[in-house]
Amino acid sequence: MKNKLKSYSSSDNLEGALDSVIEFGIAILLDSTTPATKYANKIIKYFEPFKNIDPILGFKMVKNGGYYYYVFDSNRFGVNSKELKKIIEEFDKNQ
């Protein structure tokens, strides 16, 4: 059975968010700016030695959650990827 995309906060262990970037190409963060960016920077730093994962911090306004910060693998999704936008909107719709 395939895992389901979940969200993470700065109080969570990094392991789940790291696994999410590897499996889905994205980790959605449920924090305000400062905690989300600090958590995102830890995720990004973790992947520095990896050549096949290039994580970038993103931000998107959404209907239900208001906004999400997220870290995505730019080797899997382009910055303006319609597929990435659809994943985030679908996640928001199911919250």
PDB file of N, CA and C in Angstrom:
ATOM      1  N   MET A   1       0.845  -1.191   0.000  1.00  0.00           N
ATOM      2  CA  MET A   1       0.000   0.000   0.000  1.00  0.00           C
ATOM      3  C   MET A   1       0.886   1.248   0.000  1.00  0.00           C
ATOM      4  N   LYS A   2       0.562   2.177  -0.856  1.00  0.00           N
ATOM      5  CA  LYS A   2       1.351   3.388  -0.986  1.00  0.00           C
ATOM      6  C   LYS A   2       1.077   4.336   0.186  1.00  0.00           C
ATOM      7  N   ASN A   3       2.149   4.984   0.658  1.00  0.00           N
ATOM      8  CA  ASN A   3       2.008   5.956   1.736  1.00  0.00           C
ATOM      9  C   ASN A   3       1.254   7.180   1.252  1.00  0.00           C
ATOM     10  N   LYS A   4       0.680   7.894   2.195  1.00  0.00           N
ATOM     11  CA  LYS A   4      -0.080   9.112   1.917  1.00  0.00           C
ATOM     12  C   LYS A   4       0.783  10.323   2.285  1.00  0.00           C
ATOM     13  N   LEU A   5       0.710  11.369   1.483  1.00  0.00           N
ATOM     14  CA  LEU A   5       1.428  12.607   1.761  1.00  0.00           C
ATOM     15  C   LEU A   5       0.900  13.223   3.043  1.00  0.00           C
ATOM     16  N   LYS A   6       1.811  13.548   3.964  1.00  0.00           N
ATOM     17  CA  LYS A   6       1.442  14.174   5.236  1.00  0.00           C
ATOM     18  C   LYS A   6       2.141  15.515   5.355  1.00  0.00           C
ATOM     19  N   SER A   7       1.770  16.277   6.358  1.00  0.00           N
ATOM     20  CA  SER A   7       2.428  17.545   6.633  1.00  0.00           C
ATOM     21  C   SER A   7       3.297  17.403   7.877  1.00  0.00           C
ATOM     22  N   TYR A   8       4.221  18.352   8.033  1.00  0.00           N
ATOM     23  CA  TYR A   8       5.171  18.319   9.140  1.00  0.00           C
ATOM     24  C   TYR A   8       5.291  19.705   9.755  1.00  0.00           C
ATOM     25  N   SER A   9       5.658  19.722  11.050  1.00  0.00           N
ATOM     26  CA  SER A   9       5.903  20.994  11.723  1.00  0.00           C
ATOM     27  C   SER A   9       7.285  20.953  12.349  1.00  0.00           C
ATOM     28  N   SER A  10       7.756  22.092  12.783  1.00  0.00           N
ATOM     29  CA  SER A  10       9.110  22.206  13.330  1.00  0.00           C
ATOM     30  C   SER A  10       9.295  21.377  14.596  1.00  0.00           C
ATOM     31  N   SER A  11       8.208  20.962  15.225  1.00  0.00           N
ATOM     32  CA  SER A  11       8.315  20.123  16.421  1.00  0.00           C
ATOM     33  C   SER A  11       8.471  18.639  16.071  1.00  0.00           C
ATOM     34  N   ASP A  12       8.307  18.301  14.782  1.00  0.00           N
ATOM     35  CA  ASP A  12       8.447  16.916  14.334  1.00  0.00           C
ATOM     36  C   ASP A  12       9.910  16.561  14.096  1.00  0.00           C
ATOM     37  N   ASN A  13      10.207  15.276  14.251  1.00  0.00           N
ATOM     38  CA  ASN A  13      11.514  14.752  13.888  1.00  0.00           C
ATOM     39  C   ASN A  13      11.691  14.932  12.382  1.00  0.00           C
ATOM     40  N   LEU A  14      12.902  15.198  11.938  1.00  0.00           N
ATOM     41  CA  LEU A  14      13.167  15.417  10.510  1.00  0.00           C
ATOM     42  C   LEU A  14      12.931  14.177   9.651  1.00  0.00           C
ATOM     43  N   GLU A  15      13.013  13.005  10.238  1.00  0.00           N
ATOM     44  CA  GLU A  15      12.976  11.767   9.460  1.00  0.00           C
ATOM     45  C   GLU A  15      11.760  11.667   8.540  1.00  0.00           C
ATOM     46  N   GLY A  16      10.590  11.986   9.042  1.00  0.00           N
ATOM     47  CA  GLY A  16       9.379  11.903   8.228  1.00  0.00           C
ATOM     48  C   GLY A  16       9.409  12.862   7.057  1.00  0.00           C
ATOM     49  N   ALA A  17       9.846  14.091   7.293  1.00  0.00           N
ATOM     50  CA  ALA A  17       9.926  15.088   6.226  1.00  0.00           C
ATOM     51  C   ALA A  17      10.961  14.684   5.177  1.00  0.00           C
ATOM     52  N   LEU A  18      12.074  14.136   5.627  1.00  0.00           N
ATOM     53  CA  LEU A  18      13.107  13.683   4.688  1.00  0.00           C
ATOM     54  C   LEU A  18      12.572  12.546   3.821  1.00  0.00           C
ATOM     55  N   ASP A  19      11.897  11.601   4.459  1.00  0.00           N
ATOM     56  CA  ASP A  19      11.287  10.494   3.712  1.00  0.00           C
ATOM     57  C   ASP A  19      10.270  11.000   2.698  1.00  0.00           C
ATOM     58  N   SER A  20       9.524  12.037   3.076  1.00  0.00           N
ATOM     59  CA  SER A  20       8.513  12.604   2.185  1.00  0.00           C
ATOM     60  C   SER A  20       9.155  13.219   0.939  1.00  0.00           C
ATOM     61  N   VAL A  21      10.269  13.921   1.120  1.00  0.00           N
ATOM     62  CA  VAL A  21      10.971  14.500  -0.035  1.00  0.00           C
ATOM     63  C   VAL A  21      11.468  13.382  -0.954  1.00  0.00           C
ATOM     64  N   ILE A  22      11.983  12.311  -0.350  1.00  0.00           N
ATOM     65  CA  ILE A  22      12.486  11.191  -1.151  1.00  0.00           C
ATOM     66  C   ILE A  22      11.340  10.493  -1.887  1.00  0.00           C
ATOM     67  N   GLU A  23      10.248  10.198  -1.179  1.00  0.00           N
ATOM     68  CA  GLU A  23       9.146   9.437  -1.780  1.00  0.00           C
ATOM     69  C   GLU A  23       8.268  10.268  -2.713  1.00  0.00           C
ATOM     70  N   PHE A  24       7.866  11.444  -2.247  1.00  0.00           N
ATOM     71  CA  PHE A  24       6.898  12.257  -3.008  1.00  0.00           C
ATOM     72  C   PHE A  24       7.527  13.430  -3.752  1.00  0.00           C
ATOM     73  N   GLY A  25       8.766  13.778  -3.379  1.00  0.00           N
ATOM     74  CA  GLY A  25       9.408  14.953  -3.968  1.00  0.00           C
ATOM     75  C   GLY A  25       9.024  16.235  -3.270  1.00  0.00           C
ATOM     76  N   ILE A  26       8.299  16.134  -2.140  1.00  0.00           N
ATOM     77  CA  ILE A  26       7.831  17.324  -1.430  1.00  0.00           C
ATOM     78  C   ILE A  26       7.571  16.987   0.038  1.00  0.00           C
ATOM     79  N   ALA A  27       7.859  17.954   0.905  1.00  0.00           N
ATOM     80  CA  ALA A  27       7.471  17.894   2.312  1.00  0.00           C
ATOM     81  C   ALA A  27       6.728  19.188   2.613  1.00  0.00           C
ATOM     82  N   ILE A  28       5.486  19.077   3.019  1.00  0.00           N
ATOM     83  CA  ILE A  28       4.654  20.244   3.321  1.00  0.00           C
ATOM     84  C   ILE A  28       4.817  20.595   4.795  1.00  0.00           C
ATOM     85  N   LEU A  29       5.054  21.881   5.061  1.00  0.00           N
ATOM     86  CA  LEU A  29       5.336  22.353   6.415  1.00  0.00           C
ATOM     87  C   LEU A  29       4.176  23.198   6.937  1.00  0.00           C
ATOM     88  N   LEU A  30       3.743  22.904   8.150  1.00  0.00           N
ATOM     89  CA  LEU A  30       2.607  23.616   8.747  1.00  0.00           C
ATOM     90  C   LEU A  30       3.066  24.519   9.882  1.00  0.00           C
ATOM     91  N   ASP A  31       3.849  25.497   9.569  1.00  0.00           N
ATOM     92  CA  ASP A  31       4.334  26.455  10.560  1.00  0.00           C
ATOM     93  C   ASP A  31       4.299  27.849   9.972  1.00  0.00           C
ATOM     94  N   SER A  32       4.420  28.825  10.855  1.00  0.00           N
ATOM     95  CA  SER A  32       4.559  30.202  10.388  1.00  0.00           C
ATOM     96  C   SER A  32       5.969  30.379   9.811  1.00  0.00           C
ATOM     97  N   THR A  33       6.261  31.544   9.311  1.00  0.00           N
ATOM     98  CA  THR A  33       7.478  31.794   8.543  1.00  0.00           C
ATOM     99  C   THR A  33       8.768  31.361   9.236  1.00  0.00           C
ATOM    100  N   THR A  34       9.038  31.865  10.410  1.00  0.00           N
ATOM    101  CA  THR A  34      10.327  31.585  11.053  1.00  0.00           C
ATOM    102  C   THR A  34      10.534  30.106  11.353  1.00  0.00           C
ATOM    103  N   PRO A  35       9.586  29.432  12.037  1.00  0.00           N
ATOM    104  CA  PRO A  35       9.816  28.000  12.282  1.00  0.00           C
ATOM    105  C   PRO A  35       9.864  27.178  10.996  1.00  0.00           C
ATOM    106  N   ALA A  36       9.023  27.514  10.022  1.00  0.00           N
ATOM    107  CA  ALA A  36       9.001  26.756   8.761  1.00  0.00           C
ATOM    108  C   ALA A  36      10.319  26.900   8.007  1.00  0.00           C
ATOM    109  N   THR A  37      10.853  28.111   7.942  1.00  0.00           N
ATOM    110  CA  THR A  37      12.103  28.299   7.199  1.00  0.00           C
ATOM    111  C   THR A  37      13.279  27.654   7.930  1.00  0.00           C
ATOM    112  N   LYS A  38      13.286  27.689   9.247  1.00  0.00           N
ATOM    113  CA  LYS A  38      14.357  27.014   9.993  1.00  0.00           C
ATOM    114  C   LYS A  38      14.295  25.503   9.770  1.00  0.00           C
ATOM    115  N   TYR A  39      13.108  24.940   9.824  1.00  0.00           N
ATOM    116  CA  TYR A  39      12.914  23.502   9.600  1.00  0.00           C
ATOM    117  C   TYR A  39      13.292  23.147   8.161  1.00  0.00           C
ATOM    118  N   ALA A  40      12.853  23.966   7.219  1.00  0.00           N
ATOM    119  CA  ALA A  40      13.170  23.742   5.806  1.00  0.00           C
ATOM    120  C   ALA A  40      14.680  23.771   5.573  1.00  0.00           C
ATOM    121  N   ASN A  41      15.366  24.699   6.215  1.00  0.00           N
ATOM    122  CA  ASN A  41      16.820  24.784   6.045  1.00  0.00           C
ATOM    123  C   ASN A  41      17.524  23.536   6.565  1.00  0.00           C
ATOM    124  N   LYS A  42      16.981  22.912   7.611  1.00  0.00           N
ATOM    125  CA  LYS A  42      17.546  21.651   8.106  1.00  0.00           C
ATOM    126  C   LYS A  42      17.361  20.544   7.067  1.00  0.00           C
ATOM    127  N   ILE A  43      16.197  20.514   6.444  1.00  0.00           N
ATOM    128  CA  ILE A  43      15.931  19.521   5.395  1.00  0.00           C
ATOM    129  C   ILE A  43      16.885  19.735   4.227  1.00  0.00           C
ATOM    130  N   ILE A  44      17.008  20.973   3.799  1.00  0.00           N
ATOM    131  CA  ILE A  44      17.871  21.315   2.664  1.00  0.00           C
ATOM    132  C   ILE A  44      19.324  20.952   2.972  1.00  0.00           C
ATOM    133  N   LYS A  45      19.775  21.286   4.172  1.00  0.00           N
ATOM    134  CA  LYS A  45      21.155  20.983   4.573  1.00  0.00           C
ATOM    135  C   LYS A  45      21.408  19.467   4.573  1.00  0.00           C
ATOM    136  N   TYR A  46      20.444  18.700   5.035  1.00  0.00           N
ATOM    137  CA  TYR A  46      20.594  17.248   5.066  1.00  0.00           C
ATOM    138  C   TYR A  46      20.893  16.686   3.679  1.00  0.00           C
ATOM    139  N   PHE A  47      20.236  17.228   2.665  1.00  0.00           N
ATOM    140  CA  PHE A  47      20.370  16.694   1.310  1.00  0.00           C
ATOM    141  C   PHE A  47      21.577  17.256   0.545  1.00  0.00           C
ATOM    142  N   GLU A  48      22.375  18.140   1.157  1.00  0.00           N
ATOM    143  CA  GLU A  48      23.529  18.723   0.460  1.00  0.00           C
ATOM    144  C   GLU A  48      24.447  17.682  -0.183  1.00  0.00           C
ATOM    145  N   PRO A  49      24.771  16.580   0.505  1.00  0.00           N
ATOM    146  CA  PRO A  49      25.692  15.610  -0.118  1.00  0.00           C
ATOM    147  C   PRO A  49      25.060  14.784  -1.248  1.00  0.00           C
ATOM    148  N   PHE A  50      23.763  14.819  -1.386  1.00  0.00           N
ATOM    149  CA  PHE A  50      23.078  14.012  -2.395  1.00  0.00           C
ATOM    150  C   PHE A  50      23.072  14.737  -3.740  1.00  0.00           C
ATOM    151  N   LYS A  51      23.527  14.058  -4.763  1.00  0.00           N
ATOM    152  CA  LYS A  51      23.569  14.661  -6.107  1.00  0.00           C
ATOM    153  C   LYS A  51      22.222  14.565  -6.826  1.00  0.00           C
ATOM    154  N   ASN A  52      21.403  13.577  -6.431  1.00  0.00           N
ATOM    155  CA  ASN A  52      20.152  13.337  -7.158  1.00  0.00           C
ATOM    156  C   ASN A  52      18.939  14.056  -6.548  1.00  0.00           C
ATOM    157  N   ILE A  53      19.129  14.758  -5.434  1.00  0.00           N
ATOM    158  CA  ILE A  53      18.036  15.520  -4.817  1.00  0.00           C
ATOM    159  C   ILE A  53      18.507  16.959  -4.626  1.00  0.00           C
ATOM    160  N   ASP A  54      17.751  17.892  -5.182  1.00  0.00           N
ATOM    161  CA  ASP A  54      18.090  19.319  -5.090  1.00  0.00           C
ATOM    162  C   ASP A  54      16.907  20.055  -4.453  1.00  0.00           C
ATOM    163  N   PRO A  55      16.872  20.115  -3.112  1.00  0.00           N
ATOM    164  CA  PRO A  55      15.713  20.693  -2.422  1.00  0.00           C
ATOM    165  C   PRO A  55      15.689  22.218  -2.458  1.00  0.00           C
ATOM    166  N   ILE A  56      14.481  22.740  -2.596  1.00  0.00           N
ATOM    167  CA  ILE A  56      14.239  24.188  -2.618  1.00  0.00           C
ATOM    168  C   ILE A  56      13.033  24.472  -1.728  1.00  0.00           C
ATOM    169  N   LEU A  57      13.078  25.586  -1.023  1.00  0.00           N
ATOM    170  CA  LEU A  57      11.945  26.030  -0.204  1.00  0.00           C
ATOM    171  C   LEU A  57      10.934  26.738  -1.094  1.00  0.00           C
ATOM    172  N   GLY A  58       9.664  26.386  -0.934  1.00  0.00           N
ATOM    173  CA  GLY A  58       8.593  27.031  -1.682  1.00  0.00           C
ATOM    174  C   GLY A  58       7.506  27.537  -0.746  1.00  0.00           C
ATOM    175  N   PHE A  59       6.613  28.342  -1.291  1.00  0.00           N
ATOM    176  CA  PHE A  59       5.488  28.921  -0.546  1.00  0.00           C
ATOM    177  C   PHE A  59       4.305  28.988  -1.490  1.00  0.00           C
ATOM    178  N   LYS A  60       3.132  28.622  -0.993  1.00  0.00           N
ATOM    179  CA  LYS A  60       1.929  28.688  -1.835  1.00  0.00           C
ATOM    180  C   LYS A  60       0.720  29.054  -1.001  1.00  0.00           C
ATOM    181  N   MET A  61      -0.035  30.014  -1.483  1.00  0.00           N
ATOM    182  CA  MET A  61      -1.326  30.357  -0.888  1.00  0.00           C
ATOM    183  C   MET A  61      -2.330  29.307  -1.347  1.00  0.00           C
ATOM    184  N   VAL A  62      -3.195  28.867  -0.400  1.00  0.00           N
ATOM    185  CA  VAL A  62      -4.189  27.832  -0.699  1.00  0.00           C
ATOM    186  C   VAL A  62      -5.537  28.223  -0.096  1.00  0.00           C
ATOM    187  N   LYS A  63      -6.594  27.568  -0.562  1.00  0.00           N
ATOM    188  CA  LYS A  63      -7.949  27.915  -0.121  1.00  0.00           C
ATOM    189  C   LYS A  63      -8.224  27.552   1.334  1.00  0.00           C
ATOM    190  N   ASN A  64      -7.937  26.321   1.728  1.00  0.00           N
ATOM    191  CA  ASN A  64      -8.332  25.851   3.064  1.00  0.00           C
ATOM    192  C   ASN A  64      -7.321  26.179   4.145  1.00  0.00           C
ATOM    193  N   GLY A  65      -6.049  25.926   3.886  1.00  0.00           N
ATOM    194  CA  GLY A  65      -5.009  26.103   4.904  1.00  0.00           C
ATOM    195  C   GLY A  65      -4.464  27.512   4.980  1.00  0.00           C
ATOM    196  N   GLY A  66      -4.840  28.370   4.041  1.00  0.00           N
ATOM    197  CA  GLY A  66      -4.312  29.737   4.010  1.00  0.00           C
ATOM    198  C   GLY A  66      -3.013  29.799   3.211  1.00  0.00           C
ATOM    199  N   TYR A  67      -2.002  29.076   3.692  1.00  0.00           N
ATOM    200  CA  TYR A  67      -0.729  28.993   2.985  1.00  0.00           C
ATOM    201  C   TYR A  67       0.056  27.799   3.493  1.00  0.00           C
ATOM    202  N   TYR A  68       0.986  27.354   2.668  1.00  0.00           N
ATOM    203  CA  TYR A  68       1.921  26.302   3.068  1.00  0.00           C
ATOM    204  C   TYR A  68       3.325  26.687   2.635  1.00  0.00           C
ATOM    205  N   TYR A  69       4.264  26.458   3.510  1.00  0.00           N
ATOM    206  CA  TYR A  69       5.658  26.407   3.111  1.00  0.00           C
ATOM    207  C   TYR A  69       5.916  24.953   2.777  1.00  0.00           C
ATOM    208  N   TYR A  70       6.821  24.710   1.867  1.00  0.00           N
ATOM    209  CA  TYR A  70       7.132  23.334   1.508  1.00  0.00           C
ATOM    210  C   TYR A  70       8.555  23.266   0.960  1.00  0.00           C
ATOM    211  N   VAL A  71       9.145  22.102   1.081  1.00  0.00           N
ATOM    212  CA  VAL A  71      10.444  21.832   0.470  1.00  0.00           C
ATOM    213  C   VAL A  71      10.187  20.828  -0.639  1.00  0.00           C
ATOM    214  N   PHE A  72      10.669  21.135  -1.836  1.00  0.00           N
ATOM    215  CA  PHE A  72      10.469  20.220  -2.953  1.00  0.00           C
ATOM    216  C   PHE A  72      11.789  19.942  -3.658  1.00  0.00           C
ATOM    217  N   ASP A  73      11.836  18.805  -4.310  1.00  0.00           N
ATOM    218  CA  ASP A  73      13.014  18.385  -5.062  1.00  0.00           C
ATOM    219  C   ASP A  73      12.917  18.972  -6.469  1.00  0.00           C
ATOM    220  N   SER A  74      13.788  19.936  -6.750  1.00  0.00           N
ATOM    221  CA  SER A  74      13.733  20.607  -8.051  1.00  0.00           C
ATOM    222  C   SER A  74      14.249  19.704  -9.182  1.00  0.00           C
ATOM    223  N   ASN A  75      14.809  18.555  -8.842  1.00  0.00           N
ATOM    224  CA  ASN A  75      15.157  17.582  -9.884  1.00  0.00           C
ATOM    225  C   ASN A  75      13.915  16.814 -10.342  1.00  0.00           C
ATOM    226  N   ARG A  76      12.885  16.799  -9.504  1.00  0.00           N
ATOM    227  CA  ARG A  76      11.619  16.126  -9.866  1.00  0.00           C
ATOM    228  C   ARG A  76      10.578  17.097 -10.389  1.00  0.00           C
ATOM    229  N   PHE A  77      10.552  18.292  -9.829  1.00  0.00           N
ATOM    230  CA  PHE A  77       9.558  19.306 -10.205  1.00  0.00           C
ATOM    231  C   PHE A  77      10.256  20.607 -10.543  1.00  0.00           C
ATOM    232  N   GLY A  78       9.796  21.273 -11.584  1.00  0.00           N
ATOM    233  CA  GLY A  78      10.285  22.605 -11.885  1.00  0.00           C
ATOM    234  C   GLY A  78       9.660  23.609 -10.925  1.00  0.00           C
ATOM    235  N   VAL A  79      10.223  24.783 -10.865  1.00  0.00           N
ATOM    236  CA  VAL A  79       9.730  25.815  -9.953  1.00  0.00           C
ATOM    237  C   VAL A  79       8.262  26.142 -10.201  1.00  0.00           C
ATOM    238  N   ASN A  80       7.842  26.179 -11.433  1.00  0.00           N
ATOM    239  CA  ASN A  80       6.449  26.484 -11.783  1.00  0.00           C
ATOM    240  C   ASN A  80       5.685  25.244 -12.233  1.00  0.00           C
ATOM    241  N   SER A  81       6.043  24.096 -11.699  1.00  0.00           N
ATOM    242  CA  SER A  81       5.453  22.829 -12.099  1.00  0.00           C
ATOM    243  C   SER A  81       3.948  22.770 -11.822  1.00  0.00           C
ATOM    244  N   LYS A  82       3.188  22.444 -12.854  1.00  0.00           N
ATOM    245  CA  LYS A  82       1.742  22.256 -12.685  1.00  0.00           C
ATOM    246  C   LYS A  82       1.461  21.032 -11.823  1.00  0.00           C
ATOM    247  N   GLU A  83       2.292  19.999 -11.958  1.00  0.00           N
ATOM    248  CA  GLU A  83       2.120  18.785 -11.165  1.00  0.00           C
ATOM    249  C   GLU A  83       2.322  19.070  -9.671  1.00  0.00           C
ATOM    250  N   LEU A  84       3.338  19.860  -9.343  1.00  0.00           N
ATOM    251  CA  LEU A  84       3.593  20.223  -7.950  1.00  0.00           C
ATOM    252  C   LEU A  84       2.437  21.063  -7.396  1.00  0.00           C
ATOM    253  N   LYS A  85       1.969  22.016  -8.180  1.00  0.00           N
ATOM    254  CA  LYS A  85       0.832  22.844  -7.774  1.00  0.00           C
ATOM    255  C   LYS A  85      -0.394  21.972  -7.498  1.00  0.00           C
ATOM    256  N   LYS A  86      -0.623  20.986  -8.365  1.00  0.00           N
ATOM    257  CA  LYS A  86      -1.766  20.087  -8.201  1.00  0.00           C
ATOM    258  C   LYS A  86      -1.634  19.251  -6.922  1.00  0.00           C
ATOM    259  N   ILE A  87      -0.433  18.772  -6.618  1.00  0.00           N
ATOM    260  CA  ILE A  87      -0.203  17.993  -5.390  1.00  0.00           C
ATOM    261  C   ILE A  87      -0.539  18.824  -4.159  1.00  0.00           C
ATOM    262  N   ILE A  88      -0.089  20.071  -4.133  1.00  0.00           N
ATOM    263  CA  ILE A  88      -0.336  20.949  -2.978  1.00  0.00           C
ATOM    264  C   ILE A  88      -1.822  21.274  -2.860  1.00  0.00           C
ATOM    265  N   GLU A  89      -2.467  21.576  -3.960  1.00  0.00           N
ATOM    266  CA  GLU A  89      -3.901  21.901  -3.930  1.00  0.00           C
ATOM    267  C   GLU A  89      -4.729  20.690  -3.512  1.00  0.00           C
ATOM    268  N   GLU A  90      -4.346  19.510  -3.972  1.00  0.00           N
ATOM    269  CA  GLU A  90      -5.050  18.283  -3.590  1.00  0.00           C
ATOM    270  C   GLU A  90      -4.852  18.006  -2.094  1.00  0.00           C
ATOM    271  N   PHE A  91      -3.650  18.205  -1.602  1.00  0.00           N
ATOM    272  CA  PHE A  91      -3.379  18.035  -0.182  1.00  0.00           C
ATOM    273  C   PHE A  91      -4.260  18.995   0.637  1.00  0.00           C
ATOM    274  N   ASP A  92      -4.299  20.247   0.205  1.00  0.00           N
ATOM    275  CA  ASP A  92      -5.101  21.264   0.916  1.00  0.00           C
ATOM    276  C   ASP A  92      -6.582  20.907   0.902  1.00  0.00           C
ATOM    277  N   LYS A  93      -7.059  20.405  -0.209  1.00  0.00           N
ATOM    278  CA  LYS A  93      -8.472  20.047  -0.348  1.00  0.00           C
ATOM    279  C   LYS A  93      -8.854  18.928   0.627  1.00  0.00           C
ATOM    280  N   ASN A  94      -7.924  18.043   0.915  1.00  0.00           N
ATOM    281  CA  ASN A  94      -8.188  16.903   1.790  1.00  0.00           C
ATOM    282  C   ASN A  94      -7.905  17.171   3.262  1.00  0.00           C
ATOM    283  N   GLN A  95      -7.620  18.408   3.613  1.00  0.00           N
ATOM    284  CA  GLN A  95      -7.340  18.740   5.015  1.00  0.00           C
ATOM    285  C   GLN A  95      -8.609  19.107   5.745  1.00  0.00           C
TER     286      GLN A  95
END
